């Protein structure tokens, strides 16, 4: 199974949350509705926090990182185009990739811009995004969970272009 979150599934989670809350309100179970509103987001937060430990049991495989080799271009004078990370609220892979990009920033200079596409259908259609996370560097794109090694490789061609010129 590809390590990414389809936006349709994320939206269904939010529909389930809102639907359960609305159902309980209509039935007149106001305390249960408040409990639902408190417990379900907490359960989602716990799921995202525990996800690296349970991903394999869920069929996603391991989400272990493969560290990037120390980039040979780390001391050169270069600039990399902005790196854009498209995320969605509720995706367990997005914080993993974001953390890896922040770690990579300690060795390679680039500006990271995070765009939450959860409630931005214009961005989804313009960029043809159906699943997150998506990492864009210039005209190159990577979808799904990425190791530090893969992220460094995504940056490498841009650094090489600047160093040659």
N, C-alpha and C. Protein backbone atom coordinates (compact mmCIF):
# COMPACT_ATOMS: atom_id res chain seq x y z
N UNK A 1 0.85 -1.17 0.00
CA UNK A 1 0.00 0.00 0.00
C UNK A 1 0.90 1.24 0.00
N UNK A 2 0.58 2.18 -0.87
CA UNK A 2 1.38 3.40 -0.95
C UNK A 2 1.20 4.21 0.33
N UNK A 3 2.29 4.78 0.78
CA UNK A 3 2.26 5.51 2.05
C UNK A 3 1.86 6.97 1.80
N UNK A 4 0.55 7.15 1.66
CA UNK A 4 -0.01 8.48 1.47
C UNK A 4 -1.45 8.47 1.96
N UNK A 5 -2.00 9.65 2.14
CA UNK A 5 -3.39 9.78 2.60
C UNK A 5 -4.23 10.36 1.47
N UNK A 6 -5.21 9.62 1.05
CA UNK A 6 -6.12 10.15 0.04
C UNK A 6 -7.04 11.17 0.69
N UNK A 7 -7.21 12.29 0.04
CA UNK A 7 -8.01 13.37 0.61
C UNK A 7 -9.47 12.95 0.80
N UNK A 8 -9.97 12.08 -0.05
CA UNK A 8 -11.35 11.61 0.11
C UNK A 8 -11.51 10.91 1.46
N UNK A 9 -10.53 10.12 1.88
CA UNK A 9 -10.60 9.44 3.17
C UNK A 9 -10.51 10.43 4.32
N UNK A 10 -9.69 11.45 4.17
CA UNK A 10 -9.59 12.47 5.22
C UNK A 10 -10.91 13.21 5.36
N UNK A 11 -11.53 13.56 4.22
CA UNK A 11 -12.82 14.24 4.27
C UNK A 11 -13.89 13.35 4.88
N UNK A 12 -13.86 12.05 4.59
CA UNK A 12 -14.82 11.13 5.19
C UNK A 12 -14.68 11.07 6.70
N UNK A 13 -13.45 11.15 7.21
CA UNK A 13 -13.26 11.20 8.66
C UNK A 13 -13.95 12.41 9.26
N UNK A 14 -13.82 13.55 8.60
CA UNK A 14 -14.45 14.77 9.13
C UNK A 14 -15.97 14.72 8.98
N UNK A 15 -16.46 14.11 7.93
CA UNK A 15 -17.91 13.93 7.78
C UNK A 15 -18.43 13.03 8.89
N UNK A 16 -17.70 11.97 9.20
CA UNK A 16 -18.07 11.07 10.30
C UNK A 16 -18.11 11.83 11.63
N UNK A 17 -17.11 12.67 11.88
CA UNK A 17 -17.08 13.45 13.11
C UNK A 17 -18.28 14.39 13.19
N UNK A 18 -18.51 15.15 12.12
CA UNK A 18 -19.64 16.08 12.12
C UNK A 18 -20.97 15.36 12.14
N UNK A 19 -21.07 14.26 11.41
CA UNK A 19 -22.31 13.49 11.36
C UNK A 19 -22.67 12.89 12.71
N UNK A 20 -21.69 12.36 13.40
CA UNK A 20 -21.94 11.80 14.73
C UNK A 20 -22.39 12.87 15.71
N UNK A 21 -21.74 14.02 15.63
CA UNK A 21 -22.10 15.15 16.50
C UNK A 21 -23.54 15.59 16.20
N UNK A 22 -23.84 15.76 14.91
CA UNK A 22 -25.19 16.18 14.51
C UNK A 22 -26.25 15.17 14.90
N UNK A 23 -25.97 13.89 14.72
CA UNK A 23 -26.91 12.84 15.08
C UNK A 23 -27.24 12.89 16.57
N UNK A 24 -26.18 13.02 17.38
CA UNK A 24 -26.40 13.06 18.83
C UNK A 24 -27.19 14.31 19.24
N UNK A 25 -26.94 15.43 18.58
CA UNK A 25 -27.72 16.65 18.87
C UNK A 25 -29.19 16.46 18.51
N UNK A 26 -29.45 15.91 17.33
CA UNK A 26 -30.83 15.70 16.88
C UNK A 26 -31.57 14.77 17.83
N UNK A 27 -30.88 13.77 18.34
CA UNK A 27 -31.51 12.83 19.27
C UNK A 27 -31.65 13.40 20.68
N UNK A 28 -31.10 14.59 20.90
CA UNK A 28 -31.23 15.23 22.20
C UNK A 28 -30.21 14.76 23.23
N UNK A 29 -29.18 14.09 22.80
CA UNK A 29 -28.13 13.62 23.71
C UNK A 29 -27.00 14.65 23.74
N UNK A 30 -27.26 15.76 24.40
CA UNK A 30 -26.34 16.91 24.36
C UNK A 30 -25.01 16.60 25.04
N UNK A 31 -25.04 15.90 26.16
CA UNK A 31 -23.79 15.56 26.83
C UNK A 31 -22.96 14.58 26.00
N UNK A 32 -23.64 13.62 25.39
CA UNK A 32 -22.94 12.68 24.52
C UNK A 32 -22.35 13.42 23.32
N UNK A 33 -23.09 14.38 22.81
CA UNK A 33 -22.59 15.17 21.67
C UNK A 33 -21.33 15.94 22.05
N UNK A 34 -21.32 16.54 23.23
CA UNK A 34 -20.12 17.24 23.68
C UNK A 34 -18.96 16.28 23.90
N UNK A 35 -19.26 15.12 24.44
CA UNK A 35 -18.23 14.10 24.62
C UNK A 35 -17.67 13.64 23.27
N UNK A 36 -18.57 13.45 22.31
CA UNK A 36 -18.16 13.06 20.96
C UNK A 36 -17.23 14.12 20.37
N UNK A 37 -17.61 15.38 20.54
CA UNK A 37 -16.83 16.49 20.00
C UNK A 37 -15.47 16.59 20.66
N UNK A 38 -15.34 16.13 21.90
CA UNK A 38 -14.05 16.17 22.59
C UNK A 38 -13.23 14.92 22.32
N UNK A 39 -13.87 13.76 22.31
CA UNK A 39 -13.13 12.50 22.23
C UNK A 39 -12.67 12.19 20.80
N UNK A 40 -13.47 12.46 19.81
CA UNK A 40 -13.08 12.08 18.44
C UNK A 40 -11.84 12.85 17.95
N UNK A 41 -11.74 14.16 18.13
CA UNK A 41 -10.48 14.83 17.73
C UNK A 41 -9.28 14.34 18.55
N UNK A 42 -9.52 14.05 19.82
CA UNK A 42 -8.45 13.51 20.66
C UNK A 42 -8.00 12.14 20.12
N UNK A 43 -8.95 11.31 19.71
CA UNK A 43 -8.62 10.01 19.14
C UNK A 43 -7.83 10.16 17.84
N UNK A 44 -8.19 11.14 17.02
CA UNK A 44 -7.45 11.41 15.79
C UNK A 44 -6.02 11.85 16.10
N UNK A 45 -5.87 12.72 17.08
CA UNK A 45 -4.55 13.18 17.50
C UNK A 45 -3.70 12.01 18.00
N UNK A 46 -4.29 11.14 18.82
CA UNK A 46 -3.57 9.96 19.32
C UNK A 46 -3.17 9.02 18.19
N UNK A 47 -4.06 8.86 17.21
CA UNK A 47 -3.78 8.02 16.05
C UNK A 47 -2.56 8.56 15.29
N UNK A 48 -2.53 9.86 15.06
CA UNK A 48 -1.41 10.46 14.33
C UNK A 48 -0.11 10.31 15.11
N UNK A 49 -0.17 10.49 16.42
CA UNK A 49 1.03 10.35 17.27
C UNK A 49 1.53 8.90 17.29
N UNK A 50 0.62 7.95 17.33
CA UNK A 50 1.00 6.54 17.43
C UNK A 50 1.24 5.90 16.06
N UNK A 51 0.94 6.61 14.99
CA UNK A 51 0.97 6.01 13.66
C UNK A 51 2.30 5.35 13.30
N UNK A 52 3.46 5.98 13.55
CA UNK A 52 4.71 5.29 13.18
C UNK A 52 4.84 3.90 13.82
N UNK A 53 4.29 3.72 14.99
CA UNK A 53 4.37 2.43 15.68
C UNK A 53 3.38 1.40 15.14
N UNK A 54 2.26 1.85 14.59
CA UNK A 54 1.21 0.92 14.16
C UNK A 54 1.06 0.84 12.64
N UNK A 55 1.85 1.60 11.89
CA UNK A 55 1.70 1.65 10.44
C UNK A 55 1.85 0.27 9.80
N UNK A 56 2.82 -0.50 10.26
CA UNK A 56 3.05 -1.82 9.67
C UNK A 56 1.85 -2.74 9.90
N UNK A 57 1.29 -2.70 11.09
CA UNK A 57 0.12 -3.54 11.41
C UNK A 57 -1.10 -3.12 10.59
N UNK A 58 -1.13 -1.86 10.16
CA UNK A 58 -2.26 -1.37 9.36
C UNK A 58 -2.08 -1.66 7.87
N UNK A 59 -0.94 -2.23 7.49
CA UNK A 59 -0.71 -2.57 6.10
C UNK A 59 0.07 -1.55 5.31
N UNK A 60 0.53 -0.49 5.95
CA UNK A 60 1.30 0.54 5.25
C UNK A 60 2.79 0.20 5.17
N UNK A 61 3.23 -0.78 5.91
CA UNK A 61 4.64 -1.09 5.95
C UNK A 61 5.35 -0.19 6.97
N UNK A 62 6.66 -0.29 6.99
CA UNK A 62 7.45 0.49 7.95
C UNK A 62 7.58 1.93 7.45
N UNK A 63 7.63 2.85 8.39
CA UNK A 63 7.82 4.26 8.05
C UNK A 63 9.17 4.75 8.57
N UNK A 64 10.10 3.80 8.73
CA UNK A 64 11.43 4.16 9.20
C UNK A 64 12.11 5.08 8.19
N UNK A 65 13.02 5.87 8.70
CA UNK A 65 13.74 6.81 7.86
C UNK A 65 15.06 6.20 7.40
N UNK A 66 15.46 6.54 6.20
CA UNK A 66 16.81 6.26 5.72
C UNK A 66 17.50 7.61 5.66
N UNK A 67 18.48 7.83 6.54
CA UNK A 67 19.11 9.15 6.59
C UNK A 67 19.81 9.49 5.28
N UNK A 68 19.83 10.77 4.99
CA UNK A 68 20.53 11.25 3.80
C UNK A 68 22.02 11.21 4.06
N UNK A 69 22.75 10.84 3.03
CA UNK A 69 24.20 10.92 3.13
C UNK A 69 24.57 12.40 3.25
N UNK A 70 25.63 12.69 3.94
CA UNK A 70 26.05 14.08 4.10
C UNK A 70 26.24 14.70 2.73
N UNK A 71 25.44 15.70 2.39
CA UNK A 71 25.50 16.27 1.05
C UNK A 71 26.87 16.92 0.78
N UNK A 72 27.46 16.62 -0.38
CA UNK A 72 28.75 17.21 -0.73
C UNK A 72 28.60 18.68 -1.06
N UNK A 73 27.38 19.13 -1.31
CA UNK A 73 27.15 20.52 -1.67
C UNK A 73 26.79 21.37 -0.46
N UNK A 74 26.91 20.83 0.74
CA UNK A 74 26.46 21.54 1.93
C UNK A 74 27.24 22.83 2.17
N UNK A 75 28.54 22.87 1.79
CA UNK A 75 29.34 24.06 2.05
C UNK A 75 29.41 25.00 0.86
N UNK A 76 28.81 24.65 -0.26
CA UNK A 76 28.86 25.49 -1.44
C UNK A 76 27.86 26.64 -1.33
N UNK A 77 28.12 27.70 -2.10
CA UNK A 77 27.21 28.83 -2.11
C UNK A 77 26.13 28.57 -3.16
N UNK A 78 24.94 28.33 -2.76
CA UNK A 78 23.86 28.00 -3.66
C UNK A 78 22.54 28.40 -3.03
N UNK A 79 21.53 28.45 -3.84
CA UNK A 79 20.17 28.61 -3.34
C UNK A 79 19.30 27.58 -4.03
N UNK A 80 18.41 27.04 -3.30
CA UNK A 80 17.48 26.05 -3.83
C UNK A 80 16.12 26.73 -3.92
N UNK A 81 15.41 26.47 -5.00
CA UNK A 81 14.05 27.03 -5.06
C UNK A 81 13.25 26.60 -3.84
N UNK A 82 12.25 27.37 -3.53
CA UNK A 82 11.41 27.03 -2.38
C UNK A 82 10.93 25.59 -2.45
N UNK A 83 10.90 24.96 -1.30
CA UNK A 83 10.34 23.62 -1.18
C UNK A 83 8.94 23.81 -0.60
N UNK A 84 7.96 23.28 -1.28
CA UNK A 84 6.58 23.40 -0.83
C UNK A 84 6.09 22.02 -0.40
N UNK A 85 5.56 21.96 0.81
CA UNK A 85 4.99 20.73 1.35
C UNK A 85 3.49 20.92 1.46
N UNK A 86 2.75 20.13 0.70
CA UNK A 86 1.29 20.16 0.76
C UNK A 86 0.84 19.10 1.75
N UNK A 87 0.07 19.52 2.75
CA UNK A 87 -0.38 18.63 3.81
C UNK A 87 -1.90 18.73 3.97
N UNK A 88 -2.45 17.85 4.77
CA UNK A 88 -3.88 17.92 5.12
C UNK A 88 -4.02 17.54 6.58
N UNK A 89 -4.92 18.21 7.25
CA UNK A 89 -5.17 17.95 8.66
C UNK A 89 -5.76 16.55 8.81
N UNK A 90 -5.09 15.71 9.56
CA UNK A 90 -5.55 14.35 9.78
C UNK A 90 -4.70 13.31 9.09
N UNK A 91 -3.74 13.73 8.28
CA UNK A 91 -2.85 12.79 7.60
C UNK A 91 -1.68 12.44 8.52
N UNK A 92 -1.46 11.16 8.82
CA UNK A 92 -0.36 10.79 9.70
C UNK A 92 1.01 10.84 9.04
N UNK A 93 1.07 10.84 7.71
CA UNK A 93 2.36 10.89 7.03
C UNK A 93 2.91 12.32 6.95
N UNK A 94 2.03 13.31 6.95
CA UNK A 94 2.46 14.70 6.79
C UNK A 94 3.42 15.17 7.89
N UNK A 95 3.14 14.93 9.17
CA UNK A 95 4.09 15.36 10.20
C UNK A 95 5.43 14.64 10.10
N UNK A 96 5.42 13.40 9.62
CA UNK A 96 6.67 12.64 9.47
C UNK A 96 7.55 13.31 8.42
N UNK A 97 6.96 13.62 7.25
CA UNK A 97 7.72 14.25 6.17
C UNK A 97 8.15 15.67 6.58
N UNK A 98 7.27 16.38 7.26
CA UNK A 98 7.62 17.74 7.71
C UNK A 98 8.82 17.70 8.66
N UNK A 99 8.83 16.77 9.58
CA UNK A 99 9.95 16.63 10.52
C UNK A 99 11.25 16.31 9.77
N UNK A 100 11.16 15.45 8.77
CA UNK A 100 12.35 15.10 7.98
C UNK A 100 12.87 16.30 7.18
N UNK A 101 11.97 17.10 6.65
CA UNK A 101 12.40 18.29 5.92
C UNK A 101 13.08 19.29 6.85
N UNK A 102 12.55 19.44 8.06
CA UNK A 102 13.18 20.35 9.04
C UNK A 102 14.58 19.85 9.41
N UNK A 103 14.74 18.56 9.54
CA UNK A 103 16.07 17.99 9.83
C UNK A 103 17.02 18.24 8.67
N UNK A 104 16.52 18.10 7.45
CA UNK A 104 17.35 18.31 6.27
C UNK A 104 17.77 19.77 6.13
N UNK A 105 16.93 20.68 6.61
CA UNK A 105 17.27 22.11 6.57
C UNK A 105 18.52 22.44 7.38
N UNK A 106 18.87 21.61 8.32
CA UNK A 106 20.08 21.84 9.11
C UNK A 106 21.34 21.62 8.28
N UNK A 107 21.22 20.89 7.16
CA UNK A 107 22.37 20.56 6.33
C UNK A 107 22.32 21.21 4.95
N UNK A 108 21.13 21.51 4.47
CA UNK A 108 20.95 22.09 3.14
C UNK A 108 20.06 23.31 3.28
N UNK A 109 20.50 24.43 2.68
CA UNK A 109 19.72 25.66 2.80
C UNK A 109 18.57 25.68 1.80
N UNK A 110 17.37 25.77 2.31
CA UNK A 110 16.19 25.96 1.47
C UNK A 110 15.08 26.53 2.33
N UNK A 111 14.14 27.19 1.68
CA UNK A 111 12.97 27.74 2.36
C UNK A 111 11.85 26.71 2.25
N UNK A 112 11.25 26.38 3.37
CA UNK A 112 10.15 25.43 3.39
C UNK A 112 8.84 26.18 3.56
N UNK A 113 7.93 25.92 2.66
CA UNK A 113 6.60 26.53 2.74
C UNK A 113 5.60 25.38 2.86
N UNK A 114 4.81 25.43 3.92
CA UNK A 114 3.80 24.38 4.13
C UNK A 114 2.44 24.93 3.75
N UNK A 115 1.71 24.17 2.95
CA UNK A 115 0.37 24.56 2.51
C UNK A 115 -0.60 23.46 2.94
N UNK A 116 -1.52 23.81 3.84
CA UNK A 116 -2.55 22.86 4.26
C UNK A 116 -3.69 22.95 3.26
N UNK A 117 -3.94 21.85 2.55
CA UNK A 117 -4.93 21.85 1.48
C UNK A 117 -6.29 21.31 1.94
N UNK A 118 -6.45 21.09 3.23
CA UNK A 118 -7.68 20.48 3.74
C UNK A 118 -8.92 21.22 3.26
N UNK A 119 -8.93 22.52 3.38
CA UNK A 119 -10.11 23.30 2.98
C UNK A 119 -9.78 24.26 1.84
N UNK A 120 -8.91 23.82 0.92
CA UNK A 120 -8.50 24.68 -0.20
C UNK A 120 -8.68 23.94 -1.52
N UNK A 121 -9.93 23.81 -1.97
CA UNK A 121 -10.18 23.05 -3.21
C UNK A 121 -9.52 23.68 -4.44
N UNK A 122 -9.31 24.98 -4.42
CA UNK A 122 -8.65 25.63 -5.55
C UNK A 122 -7.22 25.13 -5.74
N UNK A 123 -6.51 24.96 -4.64
CA UNK A 123 -5.14 24.44 -4.70
C UNK A 123 -5.16 22.99 -5.17
N UNK A 124 -6.13 22.23 -4.68
CA UNK A 124 -6.22 20.81 -5.06
C UNK A 124 -6.41 20.65 -6.57
N UNK A 125 -7.30 21.44 -7.15
CA UNK A 125 -7.54 21.31 -8.58
C UNK A 125 -6.40 21.90 -9.40
N UNK A 126 -5.85 23.01 -8.97
CA UNK A 126 -4.75 23.64 -9.70
C UNK A 126 -3.52 22.74 -9.73
N UNK A 127 -3.21 22.10 -8.63
CA UNK A 127 -2.01 21.26 -8.52
C UNK A 127 -2.29 19.78 -8.77
N UNK A 128 -3.55 19.43 -9.02
CA UNK A 128 -3.95 18.03 -9.26
C UNK A 128 -3.54 17.13 -8.10
N UNK A 129 -3.86 17.57 -6.90
CA UNK A 129 -3.52 16.81 -5.69
C UNK A 129 -4.71 15.96 -5.27
N UNK A 130 -4.49 14.66 -5.17
CA UNK A 130 -5.54 13.74 -4.70
C UNK A 130 -5.15 13.08 -3.39
N UNK A 131 -3.85 13.12 -3.08
CA UNK A 131 -3.35 12.50 -1.85
C UNK A 131 -2.19 13.34 -1.34
N UNK A 132 -1.96 13.27 -0.04
CA UNK A 132 -0.88 14.01 0.60
C UNK A 132 -0.01 13.04 1.39
N UNK A 133 1.18 13.38 1.76
CA UNK A 133 1.88 14.63 1.50
C UNK A 133 2.41 14.70 0.07
N UNK A 134 2.57 15.94 -0.42
CA UNK A 134 3.18 16.22 -1.71
C UNK A 134 4.30 17.22 -1.46
N UNK A 135 5.48 16.92 -2.00
CA UNK A 135 6.63 17.80 -1.85
C UNK A 135 6.99 18.29 -3.24
N UNK A 136 7.06 19.61 -3.40
CA UNK A 136 7.44 20.21 -4.68
C UNK A 136 8.73 21.00 -4.51
N UNK A 137 9.65 20.79 -5.44
CA UNK A 137 10.89 21.57 -5.50
C UNK A 137 11.01 22.00 -6.95
N UNK A 138 10.76 23.27 -7.20
CA UNK A 138 10.77 23.75 -8.59
C UNK A 138 9.69 23.02 -9.37
N UNK A 139 10.10 22.36 -10.46
CA UNK A 139 9.14 21.64 -11.29
C UNK A 139 9.09 20.15 -10.97
N UNK A 140 9.82 19.73 -9.95
CA UNK A 140 9.82 18.32 -9.55
C UNK A 140 8.86 18.10 -8.39
N UNK A 141 8.27 16.90 -8.34
CA UNK A 141 7.26 16.60 -7.33
C UNK A 141 7.43 15.18 -6.83
N UNK A 142 7.20 15.01 -5.53
CA UNK A 142 7.22 13.68 -4.92
C UNK A 142 5.95 13.56 -4.07
N UNK A 143 5.28 12.44 -4.19
CA UNK A 143 4.04 12.22 -3.45
C UNK A 143 4.23 11.10 -2.44
N UNK A 144 3.58 11.24 -1.32
CA UNK A 144 3.60 10.20 -0.30
C UNK A 144 4.74 10.37 0.68
N UNK A 145 4.86 9.40 1.57
CA UNK A 145 5.91 9.41 2.57
C UNK A 145 7.26 9.33 1.88
N UNK A 146 8.22 10.12 2.35
CA UNK A 146 9.56 10.12 1.75
C UNK A 146 10.59 10.06 2.86
N UNK A 147 11.65 9.29 2.63
CA UNK A 147 12.74 9.23 3.59
C UNK A 147 13.62 10.47 3.42
N UNK A 148 14.47 10.72 4.39
CA UNK A 148 15.40 11.85 4.28
C UNK A 148 16.30 11.68 3.06
N UNK A 149 16.67 10.45 2.76
CA UNK A 149 17.50 10.17 1.59
C UNK A 149 16.77 10.56 0.30
N UNK A 150 15.50 10.23 0.19
CA UNK A 150 14.72 10.58 -1.00
C UNK A 150 14.52 12.08 -1.10
N UNK A 151 14.31 12.74 0.03
CA UNK A 151 14.13 14.19 0.02
C UNK A 151 15.41 14.90 -0.41
N UNK A 152 16.56 14.43 0.09
CA UNK A 152 17.84 15.02 -0.31
C UNK A 152 18.07 14.81 -1.80
N UNK A 153 17.68 13.66 -2.31
CA UNK A 153 17.83 13.39 -3.75
C UNK A 153 16.92 14.31 -4.57
N UNK A 154 15.75 14.61 -4.05
CA UNK A 154 14.83 15.53 -4.73
C UNK A 154 15.45 16.92 -4.83
N UNK A 155 16.22 17.33 -3.82
CA UNK A 155 16.87 18.65 -3.83
C UNK A 155 18.13 18.67 -4.70
N UNK A 156 18.80 17.55 -4.82
CA UNK A 156 20.12 17.49 -5.46
C UNK A 156 20.19 18.10 -6.86
N UNK A 157 19.31 17.82 -7.79
CA UNK A 157 19.45 18.40 -9.13
C UNK A 157 19.44 19.92 -9.13
N UNK A 158 18.65 20.53 -8.26
CA UNK A 158 18.58 21.98 -8.22
C UNK A 158 19.89 22.57 -7.71
N UNK A 159 20.49 21.93 -6.75
CA UNK A 159 21.76 22.41 -6.23
C UNK A 159 22.82 22.28 -7.30
N UNK A 160 22.84 21.16 -8.03
CA UNK A 160 23.84 20.94 -9.06
C UNK A 160 23.72 21.97 -10.18
N UNK A 161 22.49 22.35 -10.55
CA UNK A 161 22.29 23.37 -11.59
C UNK A 161 22.89 24.71 -11.19
N UNK A 162 22.69 25.10 -9.92
CA UNK A 162 23.19 26.38 -9.45
C UNK A 162 24.70 26.36 -9.33
N UNK A 163 25.27 25.25 -8.88
CA UNK A 163 26.71 25.15 -8.70
C UNK A 163 27.43 25.23 -10.05
N UNK A 164 26.83 24.62 -11.11
CA UNK A 164 27.46 24.65 -12.43
C UNK A 164 27.43 26.03 -13.03
N UNK A 165 26.43 26.83 -12.77
CA UNK A 165 26.31 28.12 -13.45
C UNK A 165 27.17 29.20 -12.83
